[in-house]
Amino acid sequence: MSLIAMASAAALVLTGCASGGAPEAGSGDLPFAGQTIVVNSFGGDYEATLQEAVIKPFQAETGAKVEVVTAYSADALAQLTAQKGKPQLDVVTFSGGQEVVAAADGLLAPIAEGDIAAAEDLVPTALDGVKRGTGEGPVIQIAPMGLITLRDKVPTPPTSWDAITDPTFAGHVALTDFSNSYGLLTFLALNGTLGGDVDNVQPGLDAVQKMLAKNEAVVTATSPEIQQAFTQRDIWLAPYAQDYAYTLTKAGLEVDFTVPENSPASYITSNVVAGSGNEKLATEFVNYQLRPEVQLAWAEALRYSPTNLTVEIPAEFADAVLAGEALNDLVRFDPTVLDAKRPEWVKAWNAIVAS
């Protein structure tokens, strides 16, 4: 039985429900019977995992109904902004730091650290936003950035970000456009290796410009394009994320994934929406996602790193999921800084790519 199925089954045993879907009639003795919350999801495999690992067992245990709206981070933020004062979402998930912007605009209801049942078990960075007290929720999943390499072409996977500019890989590197947050994060990792930082991205820009001018790299915009680059464009190396390395494996590609020193990550947060009237149930939903069995289900299904340090990754995929104290070594850029500087960076990047 898969870990996702086990999580669902365990909840059903505890509640005696006949199915893991919406609660049945007669479930009024459950704590939130008859109540409904609306949450967003990123669609695809993410939404399928959300349904099986979180929503079905949560409904069975609480008696609540959870409705899902498919909306990626930027669209979810735009929706909350347009609906300020009358939100249609109760819980919002962000993957690109949008929670900082939303909190600053008064769109999120703060969650106190004391209201998070697993607070003492979480990697410290998971509570960075919570401790600010401005509305950001906890980090529920982490997607470390690293280097994906084609195994038959790169038998010894590189362990440093400067491999991107190594002549060994010239003509066989796929970079990702800044329109993709993973592309921006991996660029900042390269920039840092070359001596830059968020106040000076010129070293990275110069390196990319040189590579593109010499046809040493191609630029992709989306994750499916990375798979196409590996299979059709003789690409051997692509800086990207841990979860997508697993997607490529499931697609039949033999790839390796390494997380070099000073690697950034995408920090996925779960946040309570202000003014929905369902803040208590929404907080329960956020808490539920931090349970060890739920976090383990995400690691198994999509290879996201759990933020709950009590999670033990099974040996069969432990090498594919960064976990435990190693998560403390990841770099978390200040979302407010990235948000302020992104337009300038995108303009400079687009000029290089278009030249």
Protein backbone atom coordinates (compact mmCIF):
# COMPACT_ATOMS: atom_id res chain seq x y z
CA MET A 1 0.00 0.00 0.00
CA SER A 2 1.37 3.42 -0.93
CA LEU A 3 2.02 5.99 1.78
CA ILE A 4 -0.74 8.19 0.37
CA ALA A 5 -3.21 5.35 0.58
CA MET A 6 -2.04 4.56 4.10
CA ALA A 7 -2.63 8.15 5.18
CA SER A 8 -6.15 8.06 3.81
CA ALA A 9 -6.89 4.63 5.25
CA ALA A 10 -5.66 5.59 8.70
CA ALA A 11 -8.03 8.53 8.82
CA LEU A 12 -10.94 6.35 7.72
CA VAL A 13 -10.27 3.82 10.45
CA LEU A 14 -10.20 6.55 13.08
CA THR A 15 -13.51 8.05 12.00
CA GLY A 16 -15.33 4.97 10.78
CA CYS A 17 -16.34 6.68 7.54
CA ALA A 18 -17.14 4.53 4.55
CA SER A 19 -15.08 6.59 2.13
CA GLY A 20 -12.37 9.23 2.13
CA GLY A 21 -14.50 11.76 0.25
CA ALA A 22 -16.89 14.36 1.58
CA PRO A 23 -18.47 13.43 4.94
CA GLU A 24 -21.72 11.51 4.80
CA ALA A 25 -25.01 12.39 6.43
CA GLY A 26 -24.99 11.66 10.13
CA SER A 27 -21.46 12.89 10.66
CA GLY A 28 -22.59 15.78 12.86
CA ASP A 29 -20.55 14.50 15.80
CA LEU A 30 -17.35 15.41 13.94
CA PRO A 31 -15.80 18.76 15.00
CA PHE A 32 -16.41 20.69 11.76
CA ALA A 33 -19.37 18.79 10.31
CA GLY A 34 -21.34 20.84 7.82
CA GLN A 35 -18.61 23.45 7.30
CA THR A 36 -16.88 24.08 3.98
CA ILE A 37 -13.57 25.66 3.07
CA VAL A 38 -12.12 26.50 -0.33
CA VAL A 39 -8.43 25.99 -1.08
CA ASN A 40 -6.30 26.47 -4.17
CA SER A 41 -4.12 23.90 -5.86
CA PHE A 42 -1.47 23.89 -8.58
CA GLY A 43 -3.28 21.28 -10.67
CA GLY A 44 -1.97 18.07 -12.24
CA ASP A 45 -0.09 15.62 -10.03
CA TYR A 46 0.04 18.22 -7.26
CA GLU A 47 -3.74 18.39 -7.10
CA ALA A 48 -4.09 14.61 -7.28
CA THR A 49 -1.73 14.24 -4.33
CA LEU A 50 -3.52 17.00 -2.42
CA GLN A 51 -6.80 15.13 -2.83
CA GLU A 52 -5.46 11.75 -1.71
CA ALA A 53 -2.95 12.74 0.97
CA VAL A 54 -4.71 15.71 2.50
CA ILE A 55 -8.29 16.45 1.51
CA LYS A 56 -9.88 13.02 1.73
CA PRO A 57 -8.47 12.08 5.15
CA PHE A 58 -8.99 15.63 6.45
CA GLN A 59 -12.65 15.51 5.48
CA ALA A 60 -13.06 12.11 7.07
CA GLU A 61 -11.49 13.23 10.34
CA THR A 62 -13.16 16.63 10.68
CA GLY A 63 -16.49 16.27 8.92
CA ALA A 64 -15.71 19.37 6.87
CA LYS A 65 -15.94 19.65 3.11
CA VAL A 66 -12.99 20.96 1.13
CA GLU A 67 -13.50 22.48 -2.30
CA VAL A 68 -10.55 23.05 -4.64
CA VAL A 69 -9.88 25.87 -7.07
CA THR A 70 -6.97 25.30 -9.45
CA ALA A 71 -4.85 28.45 -9.33
CA TYR A 72 -1.09 28.84 -9.42
CA SER A 73 0.59 31.26 -7.07
CA ALA A 74 0.49 34.44 -9.15
CA ASP A 75 -3.13 33.86 -10.17
CA ALA A 76 -4.13 33.05 -6.60
CA LEU A 77 -2.59 36.30 -5.39
CA ALA A 78 -4.40 38.25 -8.10
CA GLN A 79 -7.65 36.58 -7.10
CA LEU A 80 -7.20 37.43 -3.43
CA THR A 81 -6.34 41.02 -4.29
CA ALA A 82 -9.44 41.41 -6.45
CA GLN A 83 -11.64 39.85 -3.76
CA LYS A 84 -10.19 41.74 -0.78
CA GLY A 85 -12.81 41.94 1.96
CA LYS A 86 -14.91 39.23 0.33
CA PRO A 87 -12.49 36.38 -0.39
CA GLN A 88 -13.65 33.16 -1.98
CA LEU A 89 -10.58 31.25 -0.79
CA ASP A 90 -10.08 30.20 2.82
CA VAL A 91 -6.60 28.69 2.48
CA VAL A 92 -4.09 29.77 -0.14
CA THR A 93 -0.91 27.94 -1.14
CA PHE A 94 2.00 29.92 -2.55
CA SER A 95 5.28 28.68 -4.01
CA GLY A 96 7.07 31.87 -5.01
CA GLY A 97 7.07 34.05 -1.92
CA GLN A 98 3.73 35.69 -2.73
CA GLU A 99 2.67 35.21 0.90
CA VAL A 100 4.84 38.20 1.87
CA VAL A 101 3.05 40.46 -0.60
CA ALA A 102 -0.35 39.11 0.41
CA ALA A 103 0.39 39.59 4.10
CA ALA A 104 1.58 43.15 3.55
CA ASP A 105 -1.69 43.90 1.77
CA GLY A 106 -3.74 42.53 4.68
CA LEU A 107 -4.99 39.54 2.71
CA LEU A 108 -3.81 36.89 5.19
CA ALA A 109 -4.79 36.15 8.78
CA PRO A 110 -1.75 35.62 11.05
CA ILE A 111 -1.23 32.17 12.54
CA ALA A 112 0.44 32.23 15.94
CA GLU A 113 3.34 29.85 16.44
CA GLY A 114 1.43 28.42 19.39
CA ASP A 115 -1.42 27.47 17.05
CA ILE A 116 0.84 25.18 15.02
CA ALA A 117 0.77 21.76 16.64
CA ALA A 118 3.99 20.58 15.01
CA ALA A 119 5.93 23.82 15.53
CA GLU A 120 8.69 22.24 17.60
CA ASP A 121 9.22 19.52 14.99
CA LEU A 122 9.65 21.80 11.97
CA VAL A 123 12.83 22.88 10.25
CA PRO A 124 13.43 26.44 11.56
CA THR A 125 12.99 28.14 8.19
CA ALA A 126 9.47 26.74 8.00
CA LEU A 127 8.38 29.25 10.63
CA ASP A 128 10.22 32.34 9.38
CA GLY A 129 7.03 33.97 8.12
CA VAL A 130 4.94 32.86 11.08
CA LYS A 131 7.35 34.48 13.52
CA ARG A 132 7.01 37.81 11.73
CA GLY A 133 3.36 37.79 12.78
CA THR A 134 2.20 39.58 9.66
CA GLY A 135 0.14 36.79 8.14
CA GLU A 136 2.50 34.41 6.40
CA GLY A 137 1.79 30.77 7.08
CA PRO A 138 4.25 27.92 7.63
CA VAL A 139 6.26 26.20 4.93
CA ILE A 140 4.59 22.85 4.20
CA GLN A 141 6.90 21.59 1.43
CA ILE A 142 10.36 22.44 0.12
CA ALA A 143 11.59 21.93 -3.44
CA PRO A 144 15.41 22.16 -3.34
CA MET A 145 17.14 23.43 -6.46
CA GLY A 146 20.04 21.45 -7.89
CA LEU A 147 21.61 19.98 -11.00
CA ILE A 148 19.85 17.38 -13.13
CA THR A 149 22.22 15.37 -15.32
CA LEU A 150 21.72 12.65 -17.89
CA ARG A 151 23.32 9.53 -16.44
CA ASP A 152 24.74 7.99 -19.61
CA LYS A 153 26.42 11.27 -20.59
CA VAL A 154 27.49 12.36 -17.09
CA PRO A 155 28.50 9.25 -15.11
CA THR A 156 29.92 11.38 -12.28
CA PRO A 157 27.29 14.01 -11.33
CA PRO A 158 28.73 17.48 -10.65
CA THR A 159 28.48 18.84 -7.13
CA SER A 160 28.98 22.57 -7.71
CA TRP A 161 26.91 25.24 -9.43
CA ASP A 162 29.90 26.30 -11.53
CA ALA A 163 29.39 23.08 -13.51
CA ILE A 164 26.89 25.11 -15.53
CA THR A 165 29.76 27.07 -17.08
CA ASP A 166 32.22 24.17 -17.21
CA PRO A 167 33.54 23.69 -20.78
CA THR A 168 32.85 19.96 -20.33
CA PHE A 169 29.16 20.68 -20.74
CA ALA A 170 29.39 23.42 -23.38
CA GLY A 171 26.56 23.00 -25.85
CA HIS A 172 24.73 20.59 -23.57
CA VAL A 173 23.21 22.90 -20.93
CA ALA A 174 19.57 23.95 -20.61
CA LEU A 175 18.85 27.07 -18.57
CA THR A 176 15.34 28.08 -17.55
CA ASP A 177 13.78 31.45 -18.29
CA PHE A 178 13.09 33.98 -15.52
CA SER A 179 9.36 33.69 -16.22
CA ASN A 180 9.71 30.43 -14.28
CA SER A 181 10.56 30.95 -10.59
CA TYR A 182 12.80 27.86 -10.66
CA GLY A 183 14.77 29.49 -13.45
CA LEU A 184 15.32 32.62 -11.38
CA LEU A 185 16.38 30.64 -8.31
CA THR A 186 18.90 28.51 -10.18
CA PHE A 187 20.30 31.63 -11.85
CA LEU A 188 20.83 33.21 -8.43
CA ALA A 189 22.69 30.08 -7.35
CA LEU A 190 25.01 30.35 -10.35
CA ASN A 191 25.42 34.07 -9.75
CA GLY A 192 26.41 33.42 -6.15
CA THR A 193 29.03 30.89 -7.20
CA LEU A 194 30.52 33.48 -9.54
CA GLY A 195 30.82 36.07 -6.77
CA GLY A 196 27.51 37.89 -7.12
CA ASP A 197 24.57 38.32 -4.75
CA VAL A 198 21.07 39.78 -4.85
CA ASP A 199 22.57 43.27 -5.01
CA ASN A 200 24.82 42.35 -7.92
CA VAL A 201 23.60 39.86 -10.51
CA GLN A 202 26.00 41.04 -13.20
CA PRO A 203 28.41 38.08 -12.79
CA GLY A 204 25.59 35.67 -13.57
CA LEU A 205 24.24 37.76 -16.44
CA ASP A 206 27.70 38.04 -17.99
CA ALA A 207 28.21 34.29 -17.76
CA VAL A 208 24.84 33.51 -19.35
CA GLN A 209 25.39 36.07 -22.11
CA LYS A 210 28.73 34.47 -22.94
CA MET A 211 27.24 30.98 -22.99
CA LEU A 212 24.36 31.97 -25.26
CA ALA A 213 26.64 33.89 -27.61
CA LYS A 214 28.75 30.76 -28.07
CA ASN A 215 25.73 28.44 -28.33
CA GLU A 216 26.89 26.68 -25.17
CA ALA A 217 23.39 26.66 -23.67
CA VAL A 218 19.73 26.81 -24.62
CA VAL A 219 16.92 28.53 -22.72
CA THR A 220 13.70 26.73 -21.85
CA ALA A 221 10.57 28.34 -20.46
CA THR A 222 8.67 25.44 -18.92
CA SER A 223 9.42 22.12 -17.27
CA PRO A 224 8.08 20.05 -20.22
CA GLU A 225 10.59 21.86 -22.41
CA ILE A 226 13.39 20.61 -20.17
CA GLN A 227 12.31 17.03 -20.78
CA GLN A 228 12.22 17.74 -24.50
CA ALA A 229 15.70 19.25 -24.30
CA PHE A 230 17.07 16.09 -22.70
CA THR A 231 15.44 13.80 -25.23
CA GLN A 232 15.67 15.82 -28.44
CA ARG A 233 18.33 18.54 -28.10
CA ASP A 234 21.35 16.66 -26.76
CA ILE A 235 21.15 18.33 -23.36
CA TRP A 236 23.09 16.66 -20.54
CA LEU A 237 22.70 19.14 -17.69
CA ALA A 238 19.88 21.37 -16.50
CA PRO A 239 19.69 23.29 -13.23
CA TYR A 240 16.20 22.81 -11.84
CA ALA A 241 14.30 21.27 -8.92
CA GLN A 242 14.26 18.02 -6.98
CA ASP A 243 10.61 17.26 -7.68
CA TYR A 244 11.04 17.63 -11.44
CA ALA A 245 14.05 15.33 -11.44
CA TYR A 246 11.62 12.67 -10.20
CA THR A 247 9.13 13.61 -12.92
CA LEU A 248 11.82 12.91 -15.50
CA THR A 249 12.58 9.58 -13.86
CA LYS A 250 8.91 8.60 -14.04
CA ALA A 251 8.97 9.54 -17.72
CA GLY A 252 11.71 6.97 -18.28
CA LEU A 253 14.81 9.17 -18.32
CA GLU A 254 17.83 7.99 -16.36
CA VAL A 255 18.92 11.14 -14.58
CA ASP A 256 20.79 12.06 -11.42
CA PHE A 257 20.05 15.01 -9.16
CA THR A 258 22.57 16.71 -6.90
CA VAL A 259 22.12 19.59 -4.46
CA PRO A 260 25.35 21.59 -4.39
CA GLU A 261 26.46 23.77 -1.50
CA ASN A 262 24.55 27.06 -1.18
CA SER A 263 21.56 25.80 -3.11
CA PRO A 264 18.29 27.74 -2.95
CA ALA A 265 14.85 26.19 -2.80
CA SER A 266 11.23 26.92 -3.49
CA TYR A 267 9.39 27.20 -0.17
CA ILE A 268 5.73 26.28 -0.48
CA THR A 269 3.57 27.89 2.19
CA SER A 270 0.02 27.30 3.37
CA ASN A 271 -1.74 30.47 4.49
CA VAL A 272 -5.05 31.39 6.12
CA VAL A 273 -7.01 34.00 4.17
CA ALA A 274 -8.23 36.99 6.17
CA GLY A 275 -11.90 37.86 6.29
CA SER A 276 -13.31 34.59 5.03
CA GLY A 277 -15.06 33.78 8.30
CA ASN A 278 -13.55 30.29 8.28
CA GLU A 279 -10.21 31.08 9.88
CA LYS A 280 -10.48 28.38 12.57
CA LEU A 281 -11.17 25.55 10.12
CA ALA A 282 -8.60 26.97 7.72
CA THR A 283 -5.98 26.85 10.49
CA GLU A 284 -6.88 23.21 11.12
CA PHE A 285 -6.29 22.50 7.44
CA VAL A 286 -2.89 24.19 7.52
CA ASN A 287 -1.96 22.19 10.62
CA TYR A 288 -3.07 18.95 9.01
CA GLN A 289 -0.58 19.42 6.18
CA LEU A 290 2.29 19.45 8.68
CA ARG A 291 1.53 15.99 10.06
CA PRO A 292 4.36 13.48 9.52
CA GLU A 293 2.24 10.97 7.60
CA VAL A 294 0.96 13.68 5.26
CA GLN A 295 4.42 15.12 4.69
CA LEU A 296 5.75 11.65 3.97
CA ALA A 297 3.01 11.09 1.42
CA TRP A 298 4.12 14.22 -0.46
CA ALA A 299 7.72 13.01 -0.40
CA GLU A 300 6.70 9.66 -1.81
CA ALA A 301 4.36 11.01 -4.48
CA LEU A 302 6.27 14.03 -5.77
CA ARG A 303 9.64 14.05 -3.96
CA TYR A 304 9.03 17.26 -2.03
CA SER A 305 11.20 17.62 1.05
CA PRO A 306 9.19 17.45 4.29
CA THR A 307 9.49 20.37 6.69
CA ASN A 308 8.59 18.15 9.65
CA LEU A 309 11.92 16.80 10.91
CA THR A 310 10.31 13.72 12.49
CA VAL A 311 9.58 12.30 9.03
CA GLU A 312 11.76 9.31 8.17
CA ILE A 313 12.26 8.84 4.44
CA PRO A 314 12.19 5.15 3.43
CA ALA A 315 15.44 3.73 2.10
CA GLU A 316 13.99 3.06 -1.36
CA PHE A 317 13.83 6.78 -2.17
CA ALA A 318 15.93 8.41 0.55
CA ASP A 319 18.62 9.34 -1.98
CA ALA A 320 16.07 11.31 -3.98
CA VAL A 321 14.74 13.53 -1.17
CA LEU A 322 16.79 16.03 0.79
CA ALA A 323 15.54 15.80 4.35
CA GLY A 324 16.31 16.41 7.99
CA GLU A 325 19.06 18.75 9.15
CA ALA A 326 20.41 19.08 5.58
CA LEU A 327 17.46 21.38 4.88
CA ASN A 328 19.06 23.97 7.17
CA ASP A 329 21.84 24.42 4.62
CA LEU A 330 19.50 25.59 1.87
CA VAL A 331 19.45 29.27 0.98
CA ARG A 332 16.16 31.10 1.43
CA PHE A 333 16.15 34.45 -0.34
CA ASP A 334 14.06 37.23 1.15
CA PRO A 335 10.85 37.24 -0.94
CA THR A 336 10.46 41.01 -0.51
CA VAL A 337 13.91 41.54 -2.04
CA LEU A 338 13.17 39.20 -4.94
CA ASP A 339 9.82 40.87 -5.56
CA ALA A 340 11.41 44.34 -5.61
CA LYS A 341 14.30 43.40 -7.87
CA ARG A 342 12.58 40.93 -10.19
CA PRO A 343 11.40 43.49 -12.81
CA GLU A 344 14.93 44.84 -13.24
CA TRP A 345 16.39 41.34 -13.46
CA VAL A 346 13.76 40.17 -15.96
CA LYS A 347 14.46 43.17 -18.19
CA ALA A 348 18.21 42.44 -18.19
CA TRP A 349 17.63 38.71 -18.75
CA ASN A 350 15.23 39.27 -21.65
CA ALA A 351 17.73 41.58 -23.33
CA ILE A 352 20.39 38.87 -23.18
CA VAL A 353 18.11 36.09 -24.40
CA ALA A 354 16.80 38.21 -27.27
CA SER A 355 20.25 39.32 -28.44
